[in-house]
Amino acid sequence: MERQKPDTETNEIALYLRTVYSLLRSTGEVRVRAFEEAHSFSNSSLHLGARDATPDVGAFGYAAARLPECMPQVQRVVLGQSDETFADFGFQTHAWQRVRTRGRRRLLRWDGAGTLAAYVASTSDIDDLVPILTAYQIEWNKMHELLAARGPGVAGDPASKTAVGEALGISETDYARLREALGSDSDRALRALAANRLDLRVRLLAGSFSAYERAAQQWWRGIERVYVPDPEVARPPVYFVSSNTHSLANLLGGYALAHRDAILAAARRDPRIDFMPELERQLDDGSPAAPNLLYFALRGYVHSDPSVLARVQQWDEESGISSADVTAQIDVQTQVIELARVRPERFDPRLRMPGLEKLAESDAWIINIDYPLGLAAYHLLSRVGQGAGPLLGAYVMGKAATLNGQIGDVMISRVVHDEHSDNTYLIRNSLGFDDLAPWLEHGSVLDNQKAVTVRGAFLQNPNYMGVFYREGYTVLEMEAGPYLSAIYELVDPRRHPNDEVVALSERTGFALGVLHYASDTPYSRRQTLLSKSLGAFGTDSTYACAIAITRQILAREIERASIRSR
């Protein structure tokens, strides 16, 4: 029989994690330099140059994109789960400035001086943030030492491209990447880099399981106000979708298609939009994929005029699509869609099918969340299961690294190994090749794959990936395992097991679909792991996944309505 569960217990990654959590048990601040040795010797695929004297600009750029631009001024990072947690330790974070990052959704508040508060929704935020801070500090200090060694000339004028590049020993391309990594005021950041050595400290205020559950409960209250405003009314059945905040709304709401001319006119005036020739070609050719780029252009249109967002939201509300008022300290936006109120005449043409008029008889809703990070997925779906009506379907769509495909491919897995629980889940994926292939223009559909849910982007190395690849695992992602652990508890009276092979396909009485689109190819080209967002190119695979999920939900609701009317 095929061995389903690879043995990765005794490796550098496990040692790194043990080091992190043993140090964070301290009641005070821990210097980030205490993590540096374990980090460097973990041989992370994202940071293979950690021990080299030459700066690893790619690793620094990856870390910097997931930290706020105020980092050169930060001296300590405090981790907590809510305003109340921070207040209990004397940090009045609710009054601090909200700061954002380019590459990670996480609530961050800065006191304007040396302290950054990071809100953690699960232990995955710790697994993610500590290696990011460590990589950032290692590379910052490498570059600082090299610049300082050249004397005050370089340190006094770090904006000089030639001087900085020669001092750091990096190419022009890496110099450009460094400037991008340092943010909008890169001159100021470069001066700080030349002048100061970094000595970050980190403190974990609380990390209890019950505190994570309380944060999930606060998150659910915002959804509940839209989904069940009247507590006396029975809670309607739901389809749970973990995707993003734009795909389903664009497909079902239709604002972009109805306002195409205005969006195109704004896009033509925007020099930052570089895909207009392709969009124009697709529109002229009548390509079915043309709406994908139009949806991407809608984002710029919304940002160009503050009044547009209100008009889009009003339009969506008329189509039964509401945004939940999520006030908790979990940065996971949520849409609640009442299927009886959707307007099929506004749908994306690729959703057309016989019987759409029967949706007016539907009693079901869709709860669509912007996919969370790691174990937060477990806490949030568990809370949905406790508060919502009967679950009719659960769909997980997200980005992943592929060990055998290309960027833009879509992977459909039937096996998921979860590094959090050490379980291997066998699933009957309700979505298959034929559900995806008609909507994918450029990539390939790879079905019958095996996925592994990793604990963090930095927490994998070539040996680690090689073990999985030899066992036939080709998809590396971060949410499916925790979702499946939550689903186990929705259909079984026991808590999810650990270190078992679980035939989950025999337990669920609802549709279960798991899709991933490839954003990285770490086994062949490390630099893709350090890349930016997929941008306009990613709309092809993203919308192929979203269309497949939405069509299945609509088809099931038409069938349910037909059965009830017999």
Protein backbone atom coordinates (compact mmCIF):
# COMPACT_ATOMS: atom_id res chain seq x y z
CA MET A 1 0.00 0.00 0.00
CA GLU A 2 1.20 3.53 -0.78
CA ARG A 3 2.70 5.23 2.23
CA GLN A 4 0.60 8.39 2.60
CA LYS A 5 2.47 10.25 5.32
CA PRO A 6 6.09 11.32 4.78
CA ASP A 7 8.44 11.44 7.74
CA THR A 8 9.71 15.00 8.23
CA GLU A 9 9.97 15.07 12.02
CA THR A 10 13.75 15.10 12.39
CA ASN A 11 14.76 18.07 10.30
CA GLU A 12 16.11 21.58 10.60
CA ILE A 13 12.65 23.12 10.32
CA ALA A 14 11.38 21.24 13.38
CA LEU A 15 14.45 22.41 15.34
CA TYR A 16 13.80 25.99 14.26
CA LEU A 17 10.18 25.85 15.46
CA ARG A 18 11.17 24.35 18.82
CA THR A 19 13.69 27.17 19.25
CA VAL A 20 11.10 29.84 18.44
CA TYR A 21 8.44 28.61 20.83
CA SER A 22 10.82 27.81 23.68
CA LEU A 23 12.18 31.36 23.54
CA LEU A 24 8.76 33.01 23.21
CA ARG A 25 7.67 31.39 26.47
CA SER A 26 9.65 34.16 28.16
CA THR A 27 7.49 36.73 29.95
CA GLY A 28 9.68 39.55 28.63
CA GLU A 29 11.15 40.65 25.34
CA VAL A 30 13.35 38.30 23.32
CA ARG A 31 16.00 39.65 21.00
CA VAL A 32 15.45 38.52 17.42
CA ARG A 33 19.15 37.70 17.20
CA ALA A 34 18.34 34.71 19.47
CA PHE A 35 16.52 33.15 16.51
CA GLU A 36 19.21 33.89 13.93
CA GLU A 37 21.31 30.75 14.28
CA ALA A 38 18.37 28.35 14.05
CA HIS A 39 16.99 30.40 11.18
CA SER A 40 20.26 30.40 9.24
CA PHE A 41 20.84 26.67 9.68
CA SER A 42 17.26 25.77 8.73
CA ASN A 43 18.37 26.26 5.10
CA SER A 44 15.06 27.86 4.25
CA SER A 45 14.31 27.81 0.53
CA LEU A 46 13.36 31.46 0.86
CA HIS A 47 16.65 32.34 2.51
CA LEU A 48 19.38 30.10 1.15
CA GLY A 49 21.85 32.99 1.39
CA ALA A 50 21.33 33.53 5.13
CA ARG A 51 24.90 32.47 6.00
CA ASP A 52 26.57 34.16 3.03
CA ALA A 53 28.45 37.42 3.41
CA THR A 54 26.76 38.77 0.27
CA PRO A 55 23.28 40.15 0.96
CA ASP A 56 20.34 37.99 -0.10
CA VAL A 57 18.28 40.83 -1.56
CA GLY A 58 15.52 38.46 -2.62
CA ALA A 59 14.95 37.22 0.93
CA PHE A 60 15.13 40.75 2.28
CA GLY A 61 12.60 41.91 -0.30
CA TYR A 62 10.22 39.07 0.55
CA ALA A 63 10.40 39.92 4.27
CA ALA A 64 10.18 43.69 3.73
CA ALA A 65 7.04 43.32 1.60
CA ARG A 66 5.35 41.62 4.55
CA LEU A 67 6.36 44.30 7.05
CA PRO A 68 5.26 47.94 7.18
CA GLU A 69 7.41 50.77 5.83
CA CYS A 70 7.95 52.09 9.35
CA MET A 71 10.22 49.11 10.15
CA PRO A 72 13.47 51.17 10.08
CA GLN A 73 12.07 53.04 13.09
CA VAL A 74 10.78 49.98 14.95
CA GLN A 75 12.71 48.58 17.90
CA ARG A 76 10.24 46.07 19.33
CA VAL A 77 7.35 43.99 17.97
CA VAL A 78 4.62 42.98 20.42
CA LEU A 79 2.31 40.08 19.52
CA GLY A 80 -1.22 39.89 20.92
CA GLN A 81 -4.71 38.75 19.99
CA SER A 82 -6.95 41.75 20.71
CA ASP A 83 -7.05 45.33 21.97
CA GLU A 84 -7.98 43.91 25.37
CA THR A 85 -4.90 41.68 25.43
CA PHE A 86 -2.61 44.59 24.61
CA ALA A 87 -4.34 46.82 27.20
CA ASP A 88 -3.86 44.18 29.92
CA PHE A 89 -0.11 44.60 29.39
CA GLY A 90 -0.21 48.40 29.26
CA PHE A 91 -0.31 48.93 25.49
CA GLN A 92 -3.19 51.20 24.41
CA THR A 93 -2.98 50.01 20.83
CA HIS A 94 -6.53 51.01 19.84
CA ALA A 95 -5.26 54.61 19.56
CA TRP A 96 -2.16 53.74 17.54
CA GLN A 97 -1.78 54.27 13.80
CA ARG A 98 -2.89 51.43 11.53
CA VAL A 99 -0.07 50.44 9.18
CA ARG A 100 -0.22 48.02 6.27
CA THR A 101 2.07 45.83 4.22
CA ARG A 102 2.16 45.01 0.52
CA GLY A 103 2.35 41.26 0.86
CA ARG A 104 0.41 40.11 3.93
CA ARG A 105 -3.00 40.85 5.41
CA ARG A 106 -2.45 41.30 9.13
CA LEU A 107 -3.68 43.97 11.54
CA LEU A 108 -0.65 46.06 12.56
CA ARG A 109 -0.62 49.20 14.72
CA TRP A 110 2.38 51.49 15.29
CA ASP A 111 2.85 53.93 18.16
CA GLY A 112 4.76 56.36 15.92
CA ALA A 113 7.99 55.62 17.75
CA GLY A 114 9.66 52.27 18.37
CA THR A 115 6.84 49.80 19.03
CA LEU A 116 4.82 47.82 16.49
CA ALA A 117 1.80 45.80 17.63
CA ALA A 118 0.96 42.73 15.53
CA TYR A 119 -2.42 41.06 16.03
CA VAL A 120 -2.16 37.27 15.76
CA ALA A 121 -5.23 35.25 14.78
CA SER A 122 -3.56 31.88 15.35
CA THR A 123 -0.18 30.30 15.90
CA SER A 124 0.34 30.49 12.14
CA ASP A 125 0.86 34.24 12.51
CA ILE A 126 3.75 33.47 14.86
CA ASP A 127 5.15 30.82 12.51
CA ASP A 128 4.98 33.40 9.74
CA LEU A 129 6.05 36.61 11.45
CA VAL A 130 9.07 35.49 13.50
CA PRO A 131 11.00 34.11 10.47
CA ILE A 132 10.08 37.25 8.50
CA LEU A 133 11.49 39.49 11.24
CA THR A 134 14.58 37.30 11.55
CA ALA A 135 15.32 37.28 7.82
CA TYR A 136 14.76 41.04 7.68
CA GLN A 137 17.22 41.67 10.51
CA ILE A 138 19.89 39.27 9.21
CA GLU A 139 19.94 40.91 5.79
CA TRP A 140 19.61 44.46 7.13
CA ASN A 141 22.66 43.99 9.34
CA LYS A 142 24.67 42.41 6.53
CA MET A 143 23.99 45.43 4.35
CA HIS A 144 24.63 47.85 7.21
CA GLU A 145 28.06 46.35 7.91
CA LEU A 146 29.05 46.50 4.25
CA LEU A 147 27.94 50.11 3.88
CA ALA A 148 29.53 51.19 7.14
CA ALA A 149 32.82 49.55 6.15
CA ARG A 150 33.05 51.87 3.14
CA GLY A 151 33.17 54.88 5.43
CA PRO A 152 31.08 58.02 5.75
CA GLY A 153 31.13 58.73 2.00
CA VAL A 154 28.80 55.84 1.21
CA ALA A 155 26.88 56.20 4.45
CA GLY A 156 26.35 59.88 3.79
CA ASP A 157 25.05 59.40 0.28
CA PRO A 158 23.37 55.97 0.18
CA ALA A 159 21.11 57.10 -2.65
CA SER A 160 24.07 56.83 -5.00
CA LYS A 161 23.33 53.79 -7.12
CA THR A 162 26.94 53.02 -7.98
CA ALA A 163 28.32 53.50 -4.47
CA VAL A 164 25.66 51.38 -2.79
CA GLY A 165 25.77 48.64 -5.42
CA GLU A 166 29.57 48.35 -5.20
CA ALA A 167 29.56 48.39 -1.40
CA LEU A 168 26.96 45.63 -1.22
CA GLY A 169 28.35 43.64 -4.13
CA ILE A 170 24.97 43.40 -5.83
CA SER A 171 23.84 43.76 -9.43
CA GLU A 172 21.84 46.64 -10.84
CA THR A 173 18.78 44.39 -10.85
CA ASP A 174 19.21 43.59 -7.16
CA TYR A 175 19.79 47.25 -6.41
CA ALA A 176 16.45 48.06 -8.03
CA ARG A 177 14.81 45.28 -6.00
CA LEU A 178 16.37 46.65 -2.83
CA ARG A 179 14.96 50.13 -3.50
CA GLU A 180 11.55 48.62 -4.12
CA ALA A 181 11.77 46.58 -0.92
CA LEU A 182 12.55 49.68 1.13
CA GLY A 183 9.27 51.27 0.13
CA SER A 184 8.00 54.63 -1.03
CA ASP A 185 10.71 56.65 0.79
CA SER A 186 13.62 54.42 -0.12
CA ASP A 187 16.19 57.25 0.16
CA ARG A 188 15.34 57.73 3.83
CA ALA A 189 15.32 53.97 4.42
CA LEU A 190 18.73 53.60 2.77
CA ARG A 191 20.15 56.32 5.05
CA ALA A 192 18.77 54.43 8.05
CA LEU A 193 20.23 51.19 6.67
CA ALA A 194 23.67 52.78 6.39
CA ALA A 195 23.53 54.47 9.78
CA ASN A 196 21.96 51.89 12.13
CA ARG A 197 22.42 48.27 13.04
CA LEU A 198 19.14 46.51 13.74
CA ASP A 199 18.49 44.89 17.13
CA LEU A 200 14.79 44.01 17.10
CA ARG A 201 13.04 42.55 20.11
CA VAL A 202 9.83 40.54 20.09
CA ARG A 203 7.36 39.74 22.86
CA LEU A 204 4.38 37.36 22.83
CA LEU A 205 1.75 38.64 25.25
CA ALA A 206 -0.67 35.73 25.10
CA GLY A 207 -1.09 32.64 23.01
CA SER A 208 -3.90 30.55 24.47
CA PHE A 209 -6.26 28.49 22.34
CA SER A 210 -9.28 30.06 24.04
CA ALA A 211 -8.04 33.57 23.15
CA TYR A 212 -7.93 32.59 19.48
CA GLU A 213 -11.47 31.23 19.81
CA ARG A 214 -12.65 34.50 21.37
CA ALA A 215 -11.16 36.45 18.46
CA ALA A 216 -13.04 34.18 16.03
CA GLN A 217 -16.25 34.80 17.97
CA GLN A 218 -15.80 38.58 17.63
CA TRP A 219 -15.25 38.10 13.90
CA TRP A 220 -18.44 36.04 13.61
CA ARG A 221 -20.57 38.70 15.32
CA GLY A 222 -19.98 41.05 12.38
CA ILE A 223 -21.20 38.37 9.96
CA GLU A 224 -24.16 37.49 12.13
CA ARG A 225 -25.56 41.01 11.92
CA VAL A 226 -25.98 40.54 8.16
CA TYR A 227 -26.69 36.82 7.96
CA VAL A 228 -29.21 36.51 10.83
CA PRO A 229 -30.30 40.02 11.92
CA ASP A 230 -33.41 38.49 13.57
CA PRO A 231 -32.42 35.91 16.21
CA GLU A 232 -35.95 34.45 16.14
CA VAL A 233 -35.59 33.38 12.49
CA ALA A 234 -34.08 29.98 11.71
CA ARG A 235 -30.56 30.18 10.35
CA PRO A 236 -30.57 29.43 6.62
CA PRO A 237 -28.30 26.84 5.00
CA VAL A 238 -24.95 28.06 3.70
CA TYR A 239 -22.23 27.41 1.22
CA PHE A 240 -18.87 28.33 2.73
CA VAL A 241 -16.26 29.68 0.30
CA SER A 242 -12.70 30.70 1.13
CA SER A 243 -11.41 32.72 -1.81
CA ASN A 244 -11.02 36.52 -1.98
CA THR A 245 -13.27 39.57 -1.83
CA HIS A 246 -13.56 40.28 -5.55
CA SER A 247 -14.10 37.11 -7.61
CA LEU A 248 -17.58 36.04 -6.50
CA ALA A 249 -18.80 39.64 -6.27
CA ASN A 250 -17.64 40.37 -9.83
CA LEU A 251 -19.10 37.16 -11.23
CA LEU A 252 -22.48 37.46 -9.49
CA GLY A 253 -22.78 41.24 -9.12
CA GLY A 254 -21.82 42.34 -12.61
CA TYR A 255 -20.85 45.95 -11.85
CA ALA A 256 -17.78 45.88 -14.10
CA LEU A 257 -19.66 44.46 -17.08
CA ALA A 258 -22.43 47.03 -16.73
CA HIS A 259 -19.94 49.94 -16.46
CA ARG A 260 -17.37 48.68 -18.94
CA ASP A 261 -16.92 51.92 -20.89
CA ALA A 262 -16.23 54.04 -17.79
CA ILE A 263 -13.73 51.50 -16.44
CA LEU A 264 -11.92 51.25 -19.78
CA ALA A 265 -11.72 55.03 -20.10
CA ALA A 266 -10.17 55.30 -16.63
CA ALA A 267 -7.75 52.44 -17.39
CA ARG A 268 -6.55 54.12 -20.58
CA ARG A 269 -5.66 57.23 -18.56
CA ASP A 270 -3.76 55.27 -15.90
CA PRO A 271 -0.05 54.86 -16.82
CA ARG A 272 0.35 52.14 -14.18
CA ILE A 273 -1.93 49.76 -16.10
CA ASP A 274 0.21 47.81 -18.55
CA PHE A 275 -2.28 45.21 -19.76
CA MET A 276 -4.53 47.49 -21.84
CA PRO A 277 -3.29 46.17 -25.24
CA GLU A 278 -4.14 42.62 -24.16
CA LEU A 279 -7.53 43.67 -22.79
CA GLU A 280 -8.34 45.60 -25.97
CA ARG A 281 -7.34 42.58 -28.08
CA GLN A 282 -9.51 40.24 -26.03
CA LEU A 283 -12.47 42.58 -26.28
CA ASP A 284 -12.04 42.94 -30.05
CA ASP A 285 -11.76 39.14 -30.45
CA GLY A 286 -14.74 38.51 -28.20
CA SER A 287 -12.60 36.37 -25.89
CA PRO A 288 -14.57 34.74 -23.04
CA ALA A 289 -11.65 35.67 -20.75
CA ALA A 290 -11.93 39.42 -21.42
CA PRO A 291 -14.00 40.05 -18.26
CA ASN A 292 -11.08 38.82 -16.14
CA LEU A 293 -8.88 41.77 -17.07
CA LEU A 294 -11.86 44.12 -16.87
CA TYR A 295 -12.36 42.97 -13.28
CA PHE A 296 -8.71 43.68 -12.58
CA ALA A 297 -9.06 47.16 -14.09
CA LEU A 298 -12.04 47.77 -11.79
CA ARG A 299 -9.65 47.81 -8.82
CA GLY A 300 -7.79 50.81 -10.21
CA TYR A 301 -11.08 52.49 -11.09
CA VAL A 302 -12.29 52.16 -7.50
CA HIS A 303 -9.05 53.57 -6.11
CA SER A 304 -9.09 56.51 -8.53
CA ASP A 305 -12.36 57.93 -7.18
CA PRO A 306 -13.55 57.47 -3.56
CA SER A 307 -17.18 57.74 -4.64
CA VAL A 308 -16.89 54.69 -6.92
CA LEU A 309 -16.55 52.26 -4.01
CA ALA A 310 -19.87 53.40 -2.53
CA ARG A 311 -21.56 52.97 -5.91
CA VAL A 312 -20.10 49.47 -6.33
CA GLN A 313 -21.26 48.46 -2.85
CA GLN A 314 -24.76 49.81 -3.49
CA TRP A 315 -24.91 47.92 -6.79
CA ASP A 316 -23.77 44.71 -5.09
CA GLU A 317 -26.29 45.19 -2.29
CA GLU A 318 -29.05 45.32 -4.91
CA SER A 319 -27.73 41.97 -6.14
CA GLY A 320 -27.90 40.36 -2.71
CA ILE A 321 -24.17 40.77 -1.94
CA SER A 322 -23.38 42.38 1.42
CA SER A 323 -20.08 43.06 3.14
CA ALA A 324 -20.02 42.00 6.78
CA ASP A 325 -19.02 44.59 9.34
CA VAL A 326 -16.01 42.77 10.72
CA THR A 327 -14.82 44.77 13.71
CA ALA A 328 -12.66 42.13 15.35
CA GLN A 329 -8.88 42.16 15.25
CA ILE A 330 -8.80 39.54 12.49
CA ASP A 331 -8.10 41.07 9.09
CA VAL A 332 -10.34 38.68 7.13
CA GLN A 333 -13.01 40.45 5.10
CA THR A 334 -16.30 38.63 4.52
CA GLN A 335 -19.17 38.78 2.05
CA VAL A 336 -22.62 37.36 2.69
CA ILE A 337 -24.63 36.54 -0.44
CA GLU A 338 -28.38 35.81 -0.34
CA LEU A 339 -29.00 33.60 -3.37
CA ALA A 340 -32.71 34.42 -3.57
CA ARG A 341 -31.79 38.07 -4.23
CA VAL A 342 -29.10 37.64 -6.88
CA ARG A 343 -29.96 38.93 -10.34
CA PRO A 344 -29.04 36.41 -13.07
CA GLU A 345 -29.28 39.06 -15.80
CA ARG A 346 -26.21 40.69 -14.22
CA PHE A 347 -24.14 37.49 -14.07
CA ASP A 348 -20.87 36.95 -15.89
CA PRO A 349 -21.78 35.16 -19.16
CA ARG A 350 -19.74 32.13 -18.08
CA LEU A 351 -22.24 31.46 -15.29
CA ARG A 352 -25.18 31.03 -17.65
CA MET A 353 -27.03 27.73 -17.33
CA PRO A 354 -30.63 26.53 -17.60
CA GLY A 355 -32.85 27.13 -14.58
CA LEU A 356 -31.21 30.26 -13.13
CA GLU A 357 -34.69 31.71 -12.57
CA LYS A 358 -35.19 29.08 -9.88
CA LEU A 359 -32.61 30.84 -7.69
CA ALA A 360 -35.41 33.18 -6.62
CA GLU A 361 -36.79 30.21 -4.64
CA SER A 362 -33.49 29.47 -2.90
CA ASP A 363 -33.22 29.55 0.89
CA ALA A 364 -29.41 29.31 0.85
CA TRP A 365 -26.70 31.89 1.40
CA ILE A 366 -23.00 32.02 0.53
CA ILE A 367 -20.50 33.07 3.19
CA ASN A 368 -17.38 34.05 1.26
CA ILE A 369 -14.25 34.97 3.23
CA ASP A 370 -10.92 36.40 2.15
CA TYR A 371 -8.74 33.36 2.78
CA PRO A 372 -7.00 33.55 6.17
CA LEU A 373 -3.47 32.55 7.10
CA GLY A 374 -2.84 29.00 8.28
CA LEU A 375 -4.53 27.89 11.48
CA ALA A 376 -6.81 30.93 11.48
CA ALA A 377 -8.74 28.94 8.85
CA TYR A 378 -9.52 26.29 11.47
CA HIS A 379 -10.80 28.80 14.01
CA LEU A 380 -12.95 30.72 11.53
CA LEU A 381 -14.60 27.73 9.85
CA SER A 382 -15.22 26.17 13.26
CA ARG A 383 -17.05 29.32 14.28
CA VAL A 384 -19.07 29.36 11.05
CA GLY A 385 -20.06 25.77 11.74
CA GLN A 386 -21.29 26.70 15.21
CA GLY A 387 -23.25 29.79 14.14
CA ALA A 388 -24.59 29.07 10.65
CA GLY A 389 -27.38 26.84 9.41
CA PRO A 390 -26.81 23.50 7.63
CA LEU A 391 -23.64 23.40 5.56
CA LEU A 392 -24.39 22.57 1.91
CA GLY A 393 -20.85 22.93 0.61
CA ALA A 394 -17.35 23.98 1.60
CA TYR A 395 -14.96 25.32 -1.03
CA VAL A 396 -11.33 26.28 -0.52
CA MET A 397 -9.54 28.28 -3.22
CA GLY A 398 -6.10 29.79 -2.79
CA LYS A 399 -2.54 30.27 -3.95
CA ALA A 400 0.07 27.54 -3.70
CA ALA A 401 3.56 26.59 -4.76
CA THR A 402 3.79 23.75 -7.26
CA LEU A 403 6.64 21.27 -7.45
CA ASN A 404 5.71 19.93 -10.89
CA GLY A 405 3.67 22.58 -12.70
CA GLN A 406 4.00 26.13 -13.94
CA ILE A 407 2.83 29.47 -12.60
CA GLY A 408 -0.81 29.91 -13.61
CA ASP A 409 -1.71 26.21 -13.47
CA VAL A 410 -4.63 25.03 -11.35
CA MET A 411 -4.13 22.03 -9.06
CA ILE A 412 -6.95 19.77 -7.84
CA SER A 413 -5.90 17.63 -4.87
CA ARG A 414 -7.37 14.42 -3.52
CA VAL A 415 -4.89 14.05 -0.63
CA VAL A 416 -3.84 16.75 1.84
CA HIS A 417 -1.14 16.24 4.45
CA ASP A 418 -1.44 18.79 7.26
CA GLU A 419 1.78 19.72 9.06
CA HIS A 420 -0.22 21.23 11.96
CA SER A 421 -2.09 18.07 12.96
CA ASP A 422 0.25 15.67 11.13
CA ASN A 423 -2.90 14.12 9.64
CA THR A 424 -3.19 12.98 6.06
CA TYR A 425 -6.70 13.70 4.78
CA LEU A 426 -8.15 11.69 1.89
CA ILE A 427 -10.93 13.71 0.25
CA ARG A 428 -13.46 13.27 -2.54
CA ASN A 429 -12.95 16.56 -4.35
CA SER A 430 -16.27 17.74 -5.79
CA LEU A 431 -14.43 19.71 -8.50
CA GLY A 432 -12.64 18.02 -11.37
CA PHE A 433 -10.82 18.62 -14.62
CA ASP A 434 -13.97 19.29 -16.65
CA ASP A 435 -15.15 21.93 -14.17
CA LEU A 436 -11.97 24.01 -14.69
CA ALA A 437 -10.67 23.38 -18.20
CA PRO A 438 -13.27 25.40 -20.17
CA TRP A 439 -12.43 28.58 -18.23
CA LEU A 440 -8.63 28.41 -18.18
CA GLU A 441 -7.03 30.18 -21.14
CA HIS A 442 -3.29 29.87 -20.45
CA GLY A 443 -2.47 27.36 -17.72
CA SER A 444 -3.10 23.65 -17.30
CA VAL A 445 -5.46 21.80 -15.00
CA LEU A 446 -3.56 19.26 -12.89
CA ASP A 447 -5.97 16.94 -11.12
CA ASN A 448 -5.30 13.95 -8.85
CA GLN A 449 -2.60 15.91 -7.01
CA LYS A 450 -1.43 15.63 -3.41
CA ALA A 451 -1.03 18.75 -1.28
CA VAL A 452 0.85 19.51 1.90
CA THR A 453 -0.16 22.31 4.25
CA VAL A 454 3.08 23.89 5.46
CA ARG A 455 3.40 25.94 8.63
CA GLY A 456 5.00 28.99 7.04
CA ALA A 457 6.59 30.36 3.89
CA PHE A 458 10.10 30.31 5.42
CA LEU A 459 9.53 26.93 7.11
CA GLN A 460 10.56 24.73 4.22
CA ASN A 461 13.91 23.83 2.71
CA PRO A 462 15.13 21.76 -0.26
CA ASN A 463 15.44 18.61 1.85
CA TYR A 464 11.96 19.13 3.28
CA MET A 465 10.45 19.66 -0.16
CA GLY A 466 12.39 16.73 -1.56
CA VAL A 467 10.89 14.36 1.00
CA PHE A 468 7.39 15.36 -0.01
CA TYR A 469 8.16 15.28 -3.72
CA ARG A 470 9.46 11.72 -3.44
CA GLU A 471 6.16 10.79 -1.78
CA GLY A 472 4.21 12.32 -4.66
CA TYR A 473 3.21 15.59 -2.97
CA THR A 474 3.33 18.42 -5.48
CA VAL A 475 1.28 21.27 -3.94
CA LEU A 476 2.59 23.39 -1.03
CA GLU A 477 -0.02 25.66 0.56
CA MET A 478 -1.10 26.98 3.97
CA GLU A 479 -4.87 26.66 4.60
CA ALA A 480 -6.37 23.38 3.36
CA GLY A 481 -5.19 21.25 6.30
CA PRO A 482 -6.69 23.48 9.03
CA TYR A 483 -9.93 23.74 7.04
CA LEU A 484 -10.12 19.95 6.81
CA SER A 485 -9.49 19.63 10.55
CA ALA A 486 -12.44 21.97 11.15
CA ILE A 487 -14.60 20.03 8.69
CA TYR A 488 -13.77 16.81 10.52
CA GLU A 489 -15.19 18.34 13.70
CA LEU A 490 -18.31 19.52 11.86
CA VAL A 491 -19.19 15.94 10.87
CA ASP A 492 -17.77 13.88 13.75
CA PRO A 493 -18.55 14.06 17.50
CA ARG A 494 -14.83 14.00 18.35
CA ARG A 495 -12.03 16.54 18.04
CA HIS A 496 -9.87 16.01 15.02
CA PRO A 497 -7.19 13.33 15.53
CA ASN A 498 -3.44 13.77 15.18
CA ASP A 499 -0.94 11.74 13.18
CA GLU A 500 -3.57 9.66 11.39
CA VAL A 501 -4.70 8.92 7.86
CA VAL A 502 -8.28 10.23 7.77
CA ALA A 503 -10.70 9.16 5.03
CA LEU A 504 -12.70 12.36 5.22
CA SER A 505 -14.49 11.59 1.96
CA GLU A 506 -16.59 9.00 3.78
CA ARG A 507 -17.81 11.41 6.44
CA THR A 508 -19.06 14.57 4.73
CA GLY A 509 -22.66 14.90 3.58
CA PHE A 510 -21.95 18.08 1.62
CA ALA A 511 -19.85 19.13 -1.35
CA LEU A 512 -16.16 19.63 -0.63
CA GLY A 513 -14.00 21.37 -3.23
CA VAL A 514 -10.32 22.25 -2.89
CA LEU A 515 -8.56 24.23 -5.63
CA HIS A 516 -5.17 25.95 -5.76
CA TYR A 517 -3.64 28.11 -8.46
CA ALA A 518 0.13 28.06 -8.81
CA SER A 519 1.91 31.27 -7.85
CA ASP A 520 5.38 29.83 -7.15
CA THR A 521 7.67 27.10 -8.50
CA PRO A 522 10.20 26.67 -5.68
CA TYR A 523 11.64 23.36 -6.82
CA SER A 524 12.97 24.73 -10.08
CA ARG A 525 13.36 28.51 -9.72
CA ARG A 526 13.79 29.90 -6.22
CA GLN A 527 13.28 33.50 -7.29
CA THR A 528 9.63 32.91 -8.09
CA LEU A 529 9.02 32.40 -4.39
CA LEU A 530 10.24 35.95 -3.87
CA SER A 531 8.05 37.42 -6.58
CA LYS A 532 5.31 39.98 -6.23
CA SER A 533 1.59 39.45 -6.67
CA LEU A 534 0.51 37.57 -9.78
CA GLY A 535 -1.27 40.77 -10.82
CA ALA A 536 -3.23 40.81 -14.06
CA PHE A 537 -1.62 37.52 -15.18
CA GLY A 538 -3.16 35.78 -12.20
CA THR A 539 -6.73 36.64 -13.19
CA ASP A 540 -6.83 33.69 -15.60
CA SER A 541 -6.37 30.97 -13.00
CA THR A 542 -8.11 32.90 -10.21
CA TYR A 543 -11.32 33.35 -12.17
CA ALA A 544 -11.21 29.82 -13.57
CA CYS A 545 -11.33 28.58 -9.98
CA ALA A 546 -14.02 31.06 -8.96
CA ILE A 547 -16.19 30.21 -11.96
CA ALA A 548 -15.96 26.48 -11.27
CA ILE A 549 -16.96 26.98 -7.63
CA THR A 550 -19.79 29.41 -8.40
CA ARG A 551 -21.22 27.27 -11.19
CA GLN A 552 -21.31 24.25 -8.89
CA ILE A 553 -23.11 26.23 -6.19
CA LEU A 554 -25.65 27.58 -8.68
CA ALA A 555 -26.25 24.14 -10.21
CA ARG A 556 -26.81 22.60 -6.79
CA GLU A 557 -29.26 25.34 -5.84
CA ILE A 558 -31.22 24.91 -9.07
CA GLU A 559 -31.41 21.19 -8.33
CA ARG A 560 -32.54 21.82 -4.73
CA ALA A 561 -35.26 24.21 -5.93
CA SER A 562 -36.44 21.68 -8.52
CA ILE A 563 -36.70 18.94 -5.89
CA ARG A 564 -38.70 21.17 -3.53
CA SER A 565 -41.13 22.13 -6.30
CA ARG A 566 -42.01 18.53 -7.24
